[in-house]
């Protein structure tokens, strides 16, 4: 049974410093809770796997985005690696070149270097490694979502043609369907994280994203009575793919 790398990028609500932010603090707080994958650091937490949790909110720096805005589709909405706009399109922050450099060097690349080191370590002790990109998503589509489909399944797996083996997709599909849950495959969210040093280069680095519909465990900011049940389902998924 292999050890997983659990990448948990959007569970934090912390802004390390407020430089550049121009919006009202109450609106910023509301946006943080709107976009945060609350409790995913617990839903996906295991004893034996390695985990990397971003300790800052995605409004400050989104480690799931490409650092180069020319490569990042969300940058056209002002929501690239460093968010400058709210989901409603209004101004959140002014990012100068100096501020961009400070945050990328001090936060973004440090996070990605840690992920690369985890992958490197796993590959020295095993023939491959498996990253699980750990997320949740709102039942209601965000304004700036690239995919505005009405299809909002219970769970959603994201894949990469190079880094996600078909066997992994098949096992994930069978697992959720056997429990009676609806599952989207790259729908409504697609893709999964791979460190840039290995991206499209090393097939030994496997990755799959799991998105949990927040309706299964949240009411506003609070856990529902189904929280523990949902956690058991997530933990069961991790156990299942660990054995592949």
C-alpha atoms as a PDB file:
ATOM      1  CA  UNK A   1       0.000   0.000   0.000  1.00  0.00           C
ATOM      2  CA  UNK A   2       1.538   3.285  -1.080  1.00  0.00           C
ATOM      3  CA  UNK A   3       1.704   6.620   0.678  1.00  0.00           C
ATOM      4  CA  UNK A   4      -0.152   9.498  -0.986  1.00  0.00           C
ATOM      5  CA  UNK A   5       0.750  13.161  -1.368  1.00  0.00           C
ATOM      6  CA  UNK A   6      -2.293  15.180  -0.306  1.00  0.00           C
ATOM      7  CA  UNK A   7      -2.240  18.691  -1.775  1.00  0.00           C
ATOM      8  CA  UNK A   8      -4.705  20.942   0.087  1.00  0.00           C
ATOM      9  CA  UNK A   9      -4.467  24.448  -1.415  1.00  0.00           C
ATOM     10  CA  UNK A  10      -7.670  26.287  -0.502  1.00  0.00           C
ATOM     11  CA  UNK A  11      -8.559  25.490   3.130  1.00  0.00           C
ATOM     12  CA  UNK A  12      -6.995  28.558   4.781  1.00  0.00           C
ATOM     13  CA  UNK A  13      -8.717  31.875   5.506  1.00  0.00           C
ATOM     14  CA  UNK A  14      -5.514  33.749   6.445  1.00  0.00           C
ATOM     15  CA  UNK A  15      -4.162  36.837   4.659  1.00  0.00           C
ATOM     16  CA  UNK A  16      -0.458  37.202   5.645  1.00  0.00           C
ATOM     17  CA  UNK A  17      -0.405  40.950   4.915  1.00  0.00           C
ATOM     18  CA  UNK A  18      -2.820  43.477   3.441  1.00  0.00           C
ATOM     19  CA  UNK A  19      -0.535  45.356   1.037  1.00  0.00           C
ATOM     20  CA  UNK A  20      -2.406  46.219  -2.148  1.00  0.00           C
ATOM     21  CA  UNK A  21      -5.903  45.420  -0.878  1.00  0.00           C
ATOM     22  CA  UNK A  22      -8.298  48.328  -1.445  1.00  0.00           C
ATOM     23  CA  UNK A  23     -11.706  46.745  -0.801  1.00  0.00           C
ATOM     24  CA  UNK A  24     -13.839  46.952   2.328  1.00  0.00           C
ATOM     25  CA  UNK A  25     -12.695  44.460   4.962  1.00  0.00           C
ATOM     26  CA  UNK A  26     -16.188  43.014   5.447  1.00  0.00           C
ATOM     27  CA  UNK A  27     -16.483  42.297   1.733  1.00  0.00           C
ATOM     28  CA  UNK A  28     -13.038  40.677   1.738  1.00  0.00           C
ATOM     29  CA  UNK A  29     -14.042  38.441   4.647  1.00  0.00           C
ATOM     30  CA  UNK A  30     -17.261  37.427   2.883  1.00  0.00           C
ATOM     31  CA  UNK A  31     -15.332  36.603  -0.288  1.00  0.00           C
ATOM     32  CA  UNK A  32     -12.837  34.482   1.626  1.00  0.00           C
ATOM     33  CA  UNK A  33     -15.622  32.316   3.009  1.00  0.00           C
ATOM     34  CA  UNK A  34     -17.307  32.196  -0.394  1.00  0.00           C
ATOM     35  CA  UNK A  35     -14.180  30.804  -2.052  1.00  0.00           C
ATOM     36  CA  UNK A  36     -12.545  28.778   0.734  1.00  0.00           C
ATOM     37  CA  UNK A  37     -12.718  24.986   0.691  1.00  0.00           C
ATOM     38  CA  UNK A  38     -13.605  24.922   4.366  1.00  0.00           C
ATOM     39  CA  UNK A  39     -12.482  21.925   6.428  1.00  0.00           C
ATOM     40  CA  UNK A  40     -10.779  20.149   3.526  1.00  0.00           C
ATOM     41  CA  UNK A  41      -7.651  20.066   5.687  1.00  0.00           C
ATOM     42  CA  UNK A  42      -9.670  17.758   7.966  1.00  0.00           C
ATOM     43  CA  UNK A  43     -11.820  15.911   5.419  1.00  0.00           C
ATOM     44  CA  UNK A  44      -8.710  14.678   3.619  1.00  0.00           C
ATOM     45  CA  UNK A  45      -6.396  14.393   6.624  1.00  0.00           C
ATOM     46  CA  UNK A  46      -4.821  10.976   7.216  1.00  0.00           C
ATOM     47  CA  UNK A  47      -2.234   9.583   9.607  1.00  0.00           C
ATOM     48  CA  UNK A  48       0.118   7.980   7.134  1.00  0.00           C
ATOM     49  CA  UNK A  49       0.117  10.178   4.023  1.00  0.00           C
ATOM     50  CA  UNK A  50       2.198  13.272   3.337  1.00  0.00           C
ATOM     51  CA  UNK A  51       0.181  16.460   3.092  1.00  0.00           C
ATOM     52  CA  UNK A  52       0.937  19.966   1.921  1.00  0.00           C
ATOM     53  CA  UNK A  53      -1.518  22.627   3.076  1.00  0.00           C
ATOM     54  CA  UNK A  54      -1.275  26.208   1.816  1.00  0.00           C
ATOM     55  CA  UNK A  55      -1.341  28.329   5.012  1.00  0.00           C
ATOM     56  CA  UNK A  56      -2.815  31.389   3.279  1.00  0.00           C
ATOM     57  CA  UNK A  57      -6.104  32.120   1.528  1.00  0.00           C
ATOM     58  CA  UNK A  58      -6.376  31.846  -2.232  1.00  0.00           C
ATOM     59  CA  UNK A  59      -7.425  35.538  -2.300  1.00  0.00           C
ATOM     60  CA  UNK A  60      -3.877  36.348  -1.274  1.00  0.00           C
ATOM     61  CA  UNK A  61      -2.117  33.852  -3.536  1.00  0.00           C
ATOM     62  CA  UNK A  62      -3.709  30.973  -5.417  1.00  0.00           C
ATOM     63  CA  UNK A  63      -1.111  28.215  -5.671  1.00  0.00           C
ATOM     64  CA  UNK A  64      -3.365  26.295  -8.084  1.00  0.00           C
ATOM     65  CA  UNK A  65      -2.972  28.971 -10.757  1.00  0.00           C
ATOM     66  CA  UNK A  66      -0.093  29.287 -13.213  1.00  0.00           C
ATOM     67  CA  UNK A  67       2.385  31.968 -12.107  1.00  0.00           C
ATOM     68  CA  UNK A  68       2.474  33.288 -15.696  1.00  0.00           C
ATOM     69  CA  UNK A  69      -0.787  35.127 -16.441  1.00  0.00           C
ATOM     70  CA  UNK A  70      -0.324  34.368 -20.145  1.00  0.00           C
ATOM     71  CA  UNK A  71      -0.858  30.688 -19.302  1.00  0.00           C
ATOM     72  CA  UNK A  72      -3.659  31.211 -16.780  1.00  0.00           C
ATOM     73  CA  UNK A  73      -7.231  31.366 -18.120  1.00  0.00           C
ATOM     74  CA  UNK A  74      -8.586  32.998 -14.958  1.00  0.00           C
ATOM     75  CA  UNK A  75      -6.219  35.961 -15.257  1.00  0.00           C
ATOM     76  CA  UNK A  76      -8.572  37.549 -17.816  1.00  0.00           C
ATOM     77  CA  UNK A  77     -11.077  37.905 -14.976  1.00  0.00           C
ATOM     78  CA  UNK A  78      -8.517  39.436 -12.617  1.00  0.00           C
ATOM     79  CA  UNK A  79      -8.353  36.136 -10.733  1.00  0.00           C
ATOM     80  CA  UNK A  80      -4.992  34.751 -11.773  1.00  0.00           C
ATOM     81  CA  UNK A  81      -2.345  33.685  -9.308  1.00  0.00           C
ATOM     82  CA  UNK A  82      -2.809  36.984  -7.428  1.00  0.00           C
ATOM     83  CA  UNK A  83      -6.477  37.972  -7.308  1.00  0.00           C
ATOM     84  CA  UNK A  84      -7.149  41.594  -8.230  1.00  0.00           C
ATOM     85  CA  UNK A  85     -10.932  41.298  -8.521  1.00  0.00           C
ATOM     86  CA  UNK A  86     -13.794  39.730  -6.622  1.00  0.00           C
ATOM     87  CA  UNK A  87     -15.960  37.037  -8.164  1.00  0.00           C
ATOM     88  CA  UNK A  88     -18.507  39.802  -8.935  1.00  0.00           C
ATOM     89  CA  UNK A  89     -15.893  41.681 -10.988  1.00  0.00           C
ATOM     90  CA  UNK A  90     -15.318  44.584  -8.580  1.00  0.00           C
ATOM     91  CA  UNK A  91     -11.819  45.606  -7.487  1.00  0.00           C
ATOM     92  CA  UNK A  92     -10.166  43.696  -4.670  1.00  0.00           C
ATOM     93  CA  UNK A  93      -6.500  44.637  -4.852  1.00  0.00           C
ATOM     94  CA  UNK A  94      -3.911  46.562  -6.848  1.00  0.00           C
ATOM     95  CA  UNK A  95      -0.910  44.349  -7.629  1.00  0.00           C
ATOM     96  CA  UNK A  96       2.243  46.242  -8.521  1.00  0.00           C
ATOM     97  CA  UNK A  97       5.230  44.448 -10.107  1.00  0.00           C
ATOM     98  CA  UNK A  98       7.063  44.760  -6.780  1.00  0.00           C
ATOM     99  CA  UNK A  99       4.175  43.223  -4.815  1.00  0.00           C
ATOM    100  CA  UNK A 100       3.829  40.438  -7.366  1.00  0.00           C
ATOM    101  CA  UNK A 101       7.500  39.541  -7.068  1.00  0.00           C
ATOM    102  CA  UNK A 102       7.348  39.641  -3.269  1.00  0.00           C
ATOM    103  CA  UNK A 103       4.378  37.274  -3.053  1.00  0.00           C
ATOM    104  CA  UNK A 104       5.500  34.873  -5.764  1.00  0.00           C
ATOM    105  CA  UNK A 105       8.982  34.528  -4.310  1.00  0.00           C
ATOM    106  CA  UNK A 106       7.917  34.500  -0.673  1.00  0.00           C
ATOM    107  CA  UNK A 107       4.820  32.315  -0.887  1.00  0.00           C
ATOM    108  CA  UNK A 108       3.958  30.778  -4.276  1.00  0.00           C
ATOM    109  CA  UNK A 109       7.309  29.319  -5.255  1.00  0.00           C
ATOM    110  CA  UNK A 110       8.093  28.216  -1.709  1.00  0.00           C
ATOM    111  CA  UNK A 111       4.865  26.200  -1.741  1.00  0.00           C
ATOM    112  CA  UNK A 112       5.585  24.663  -5.142  1.00  0.00           C
ATOM    113  CA  UNK A 113       9.159  23.850  -4.177  1.00  0.00           C
ATOM    114  CA  UNK A 114       7.812  21.912  -1.172  1.00  0.00           C
ATOM    115  CA  UNK A 115       5.502  19.964  -3.476  1.00  0.00           C
ATOM    116  CA  UNK A 116       8.376  19.184  -5.843  1.00  0.00           C
ATOM    117  CA  UNK A 117      10.502  17.983  -2.935  1.00  0.00           C
ATOM    118  CA  UNK A 118       7.726  15.676  -1.744  1.00  0.00           C
ATOM    119  CA  UNK A 119       7.457  14.181  -5.221  1.00  0.00           C
ATOM    120  CA  UNK A 120      11.225  13.766  -5.437  1.00  0.00           C
ATOM    121  CA  UNK A 121      11.305  12.005  -2.080  1.00  0.00           C
ATOM    122  CA  UNK A 122       8.483   9.635  -3.039  1.00  0.00           C
ATOM    123  CA  UNK A 123      10.198   8.736  -6.303  1.00  0.00           C
ATOM    124  CA  UNK A 124      13.393   7.778  -4.475  1.00  0.00           C
ATOM    125  CA  UNK A 125      11.534   5.141  -2.453  1.00  0.00           C
ATOM    126  CA  UNK A 126       8.900   3.962  -4.944  1.00  0.00           C
ATOM    127  CA  UNK A 127       8.411   3.352  -8.658  1.00  0.00           C
ATOM    128  CA  UNK A 128       5.817   6.127  -8.805  1.00  0.00           C
ATOM    129  CA  UNK A 129       3.944   8.633  -6.666  1.00  0.00           C
ATOM    130  CA  UNK A 130       0.327   9.742  -6.492  1.00  0.00           C
ATOM    131  CA  UNK A 131      -0.795  13.300  -5.751  1.00  0.00           C
ATOM    132  CA  UNK A 132      -4.378  13.883  -4.657  1.00  0.00           C
ATOM    133  CA  UNK A 133      -5.492  17.463  -5.274  1.00  0.00           C
ATOM    134  CA  UNK A 134      -8.004  18.067  -2.469  1.00  0.00           C
ATOM    135  CA  UNK A 135     -10.901  20.489  -2.960  1.00  0.00           C
ATOM    136  CA  UNK A 136     -14.560  21.278  -2.372  1.00  0.00           C
ATOM    137  CA  UNK A 137     -16.956  23.297  -4.531  1.00  0.00           C
ATOM    138  CA  UNK A 138     -20.166  25.289  -4.034  1.00  0.00           C
ATOM    139  CA  UNK A 139     -23.549  23.976  -5.125  1.00  0.00           C
ATOM    140  CA  UNK A 140     -24.182  27.304  -6.878  1.00  0.00           C
ATOM    141  CA  UNK A 141     -21.871  28.159  -9.775  1.00  0.00           C
ATOM    142  CA  UNK A 142     -19.480  31.061  -9.209  1.00  0.00           C
ATOM    143  CA  UNK A 143     -19.808  34.097 -11.478  1.00  0.00           C
ATOM    144  CA  UNK A 144     -16.326  33.658 -12.894  1.00  0.00           C
ATOM    145  CA  UNK A 145     -16.413  29.863 -13.243  1.00  0.00           C
ATOM    146  CA  UNK A 146     -15.047  28.744 -16.608  1.00  0.00           C
ATOM    147  CA  UNK A 147     -17.658  25.990 -16.718  1.00  0.00           C
ATOM    148  CA  UNK A 148     -21.135  27.258 -15.837  1.00  0.00           C
ATOM    149  CA  UNK A 149     -22.931  23.974 -16.398  1.00  0.00           C
ATOM    150  CA  UNK A 150     -25.933  23.270 -14.207  1.00  0.00           C
ATOM    151  CA  UNK A 151     -24.503  19.818 -13.529  1.00  0.00           C
ATOM    152  CA  UNK A 152     -23.357  19.908  -9.909  1.00  0.00           C
ATOM    153  CA  UNK A 153     -22.569  16.312  -8.914  1.00  0.00           C
ATOM    154  CA  UNK A 154     -21.910  15.070  -5.397  1.00  0.00           C
ATOM    155  CA  UNK A 155     -18.261  14.526  -6.229  1.00  0.00           C
ATOM    156  CA  UNK A 156     -16.017  15.531  -9.113  1.00  0.00           C
ATOM    157  CA  UNK A 157     -12.675  14.079 -10.129  1.00  0.00           C
ATOM    158  CA  UNK A 158     -10.230  16.098 -12.222  1.00  0.00           C
ATOM    159  CA  UNK A 159      -7.726  14.383 -14.465  1.00  0.00           C
ATOM    160  CA  UNK A 160      -4.729  14.997 -16.675  1.00  0.00           C
ATOM    161  CA  UNK A 161      -4.245  13.001 -19.881  1.00  0.00           C
ATOM    162  CA  UNK A 162      -0.548  12.470 -19.121  1.00  0.00           C
ATOM    163  CA  UNK A 163      -0.546  12.099 -15.323  1.00  0.00           C
ATOM    164  CA  UNK A 164      -3.847  10.334 -14.522  1.00  0.00           C
ATOM    165  CA  UNK A 165      -3.874   6.611 -15.410  1.00  0.00           C
ATOM    166  CA  UNK A 166      -7.146   5.248 -16.814  1.00  0.00           C
ATOM    167  CA  UNK A 167      -7.150   2.634 -14.043  1.00  0.00           C
ATOM    168  CA  UNK A 168      -7.336   5.424 -11.462  1.00  0.00           C
ATOM    169  CA  UNK A 169     -10.371   6.958 -13.198  1.00  0.00           C
ATOM    170  CA  UNK A 170     -12.085   3.581 -13.450  1.00  0.00           C
ATOM    171  CA  UNK A 171     -11.557   2.781  -9.776  1.00  0.00           C
ATOM    172  CA  UNK A 172     -12.738   6.239  -8.669  1.00  0.00           C
ATOM    173  CA  UNK A 173     -15.868   5.975 -10.832  1.00  0.00           C
ATOM    174  CA  UNK A 174     -16.727   2.531  -9.478  1.00  0.00           C
ATOM    175  CA  UNK A 175     -16.130   3.647  -5.890  1.00  0.00           C
ATOM    176  CA  UNK A 176     -18.495   6.636  -5.887  1.00  0.00           C
ATOM    177  CA  UNK A 177     -21.165   5.010  -8.019  1.00  0.00           C
ATOM    178  CA  UNK A 178     -21.186   1.936  -5.751  1.00  0.00           C
ATOM    179  CA  UNK A 179     -22.053   4.245  -2.851  1.00  0.00           C
ATOM    180  CA  UNK A 180     -24.899   5.868  -4.774  1.00  0.00           C
ATOM    181  CA  UNK A 181     -23.220   9.241  -5.348  1.00  0.00           C
ATOM    182  CA  UNK A 182     -23.214  11.179  -8.604  1.00  0.00           C
ATOM    183  CA  UNK A 183     -19.759  11.812 -10.046  1.00  0.00           C
ATOM    184  CA  UNK A 184     -18.437  14.268 -12.583  1.00  0.00           C
ATOM    185  CA  UNK A 185     -15.268  13.438 -14.504  1.00  0.00           C
ATOM    186  CA  UNK A 186     -13.599  16.759 -15.325  1.00  0.00           C
ATOM    187  CA  UNK A 187     -17.073  18.221 -14.838  1.00  0.00           C
ATOM    188  CA  UNK A 188     -17.661  20.883 -13.644  1.00  0.00           C
ATOM    189  CA  UNK A 189     -13.956  21.205 -12.689  1.00  0.00           C
ATOM    190  CA  UNK A 190     -11.098  19.713 -14.650  1.00  0.00           C
ATOM    191  CA  UNK A 191      -7.394  19.083 -14.280  1.00  0.00           C
ATOM    192  CA  UNK A 192      -5.184  18.231 -11.355  1.00  0.00           C
ATOM    193  CA  UNK A 193      -1.931  19.622  -9.985  1.00  0.00           C
ATOM    194  CA  UNK A 194       1.528  18.388 -10.960  1.00  0.00           C
ATOM    195  CA  UNK A 195       4.768  20.212 -10.062  1.00  0.00           C
ATOM    196  CA  UNK A 196       6.113  22.133 -13.049  1.00  0.00           C
ATOM    197  CA  UNK A 197       9.417  20.219 -12.866  1.00  0.00           C
ATOM    198  CA  UNK A 198       7.538  17.012 -13.699  1.00  0.00           C
ATOM    199  CA  UNK A 199       4.578  18.301 -15.704  1.00  0.00           C
ATOM    200  CA  UNK A 200       4.198  16.366 -18.982  1.00  0.00           C
ATOM    201  CA  UNK A 201       7.723  15.001 -18.445  1.00  0.00           C
ATOM    202  CA  UNK A 202       7.578  12.137 -15.947  1.00  0.00           C
ATOM    203  CA  UNK A 203       4.796   9.558 -16.168  1.00  0.00           C
ATOM    204  CA  UNK A 204       5.808   8.171 -12.770  1.00  0.00           C
ATOM    205  CA  UNK A 205       4.149  11.237 -11.248  1.00  0.00           C
ATOM    206  CA  UNK A 206       0.442  10.453 -11.076  1.00  0.00           C
ATOM    207  CA  UNK A 207      -2.239  12.914 -10.000  1.00  0.00           C
ATOM    208  CA  UNK A 208      -6.003  13.079  -9.518  1.00  0.00           C
ATOM    209  CA  UNK A 209      -8.206  15.845  -8.153  1.00  0.00           C
ATOM    210  CA  UNK A 210     -11.165  15.206  -5.879  1.00  0.00           C
ATOM    211  CA  UNK A 211     -13.790  17.916  -5.450  1.00  0.00           C
ATOM    212  CA  UNK A 212     -16.491  17.469  -2.784  1.00  0.00           C
ATOM    213  CA  UNK A 213     -19.801  19.275  -3.248  1.00  0.00           C
ATOM    214  CA  UNK A 214     -20.149  21.474  -0.162  1.00  0.00           C
ATOM    215  CA  UNK A 215     -23.848  20.630   0.135  1.00  0.00           C
ATOM    216  CA  UNK A 216     -22.708  17.240   1.470  1.00  0.00           C
ATOM    217  CA  UNK A 217     -21.070  18.649   4.589  1.00  0.00           C
ATOM    218  CA  UNK A 218     -21.631  22.415   4.961  1.00  0.00           C
ATOM    219  CA  UNK A 219     -24.414  24.852   5.740  1.00  0.00           C
ATOM    220  CA  UNK A 220     -22.898  28.294   5.325  1.00  0.00           C
ATOM    221  CA  UNK A 221     -19.702  28.119   7.370  1.00  0.00           C
ATOM    222  CA  UNK A 222     -20.874  25.339   9.668  1.00  0.00           C
ATOM    223  CA  UNK A 223     -20.495  21.580   9.448  1.00  0.00           C
ATOM    224  CA  UNK A 224     -23.768  19.713   8.981  1.00  0.00           C
ATOM    225  CA  UNK A 225     -24.884  16.465  10.591  1.00  0.00           C
ATOM    226  CA  UNK A 226     -23.576  14.673   7.477  1.00  0.00           C
ATOM    227  CA  UNK A 227     -20.027  15.943   7.933  1.00  0.00           C
ATOM    228  CA  UNK A 228     -18.637  12.728   9.447  1.00  0.00           C
ATOM    229  CA  UNK A 229     -20.384  10.582   6.829  1.00  0.00           C
ATOM    230  CA  UNK A 230     -18.851  12.688   4.047  1.00  0.00           C
ATOM    231  CA  UNK A 231     -15.438  12.456   5.693  1.00  0.00           C
ATOM    232  CA  UNK A 232     -15.746   8.662   5.796  1.00  0.00           C
ATOM    233  CA  UNK A 233     -16.533   8.624   2.065  1.00  0.00           C
ATOM    234  CA  UNK A 234     -13.497  10.792   1.301  1.00  0.00           C
ATOM    235  CA  UNK A 235     -11.272   8.643   3.514  1.00  0.00           C
ATOM    236  CA  UNK A 236     -12.603   5.522   1.812  1.00  0.00           C
ATOM    237  CA  UNK A 237     -11.684   6.975  -1.564  1.00  0.00           C
ATOM    238  CA  UNK A 238      -8.134   7.646  -0.383  1.00  0.00           C
ATOM    239  CA  UNK A 239      -7.832   4.095   0.940  1.00  0.00           C
ATOM    240  CA  UNK A 240      -9.122   2.677  -2.342  1.00  0.00           C
ATOM    241  CA  UNK A 241      -6.709   4.537  -4.609  1.00  0.00           C
ATOM    242  CA  UNK A 242      -3.816   3.972  -2.195  1.00  0.00           C
ATOM    243  CA  UNK A 243      -4.088   0.282  -2.978  1.00  0.00           C
ATOM    244  CA  UNK A 244      -3.859   0.663  -6.768  1.00  0.00           C
END
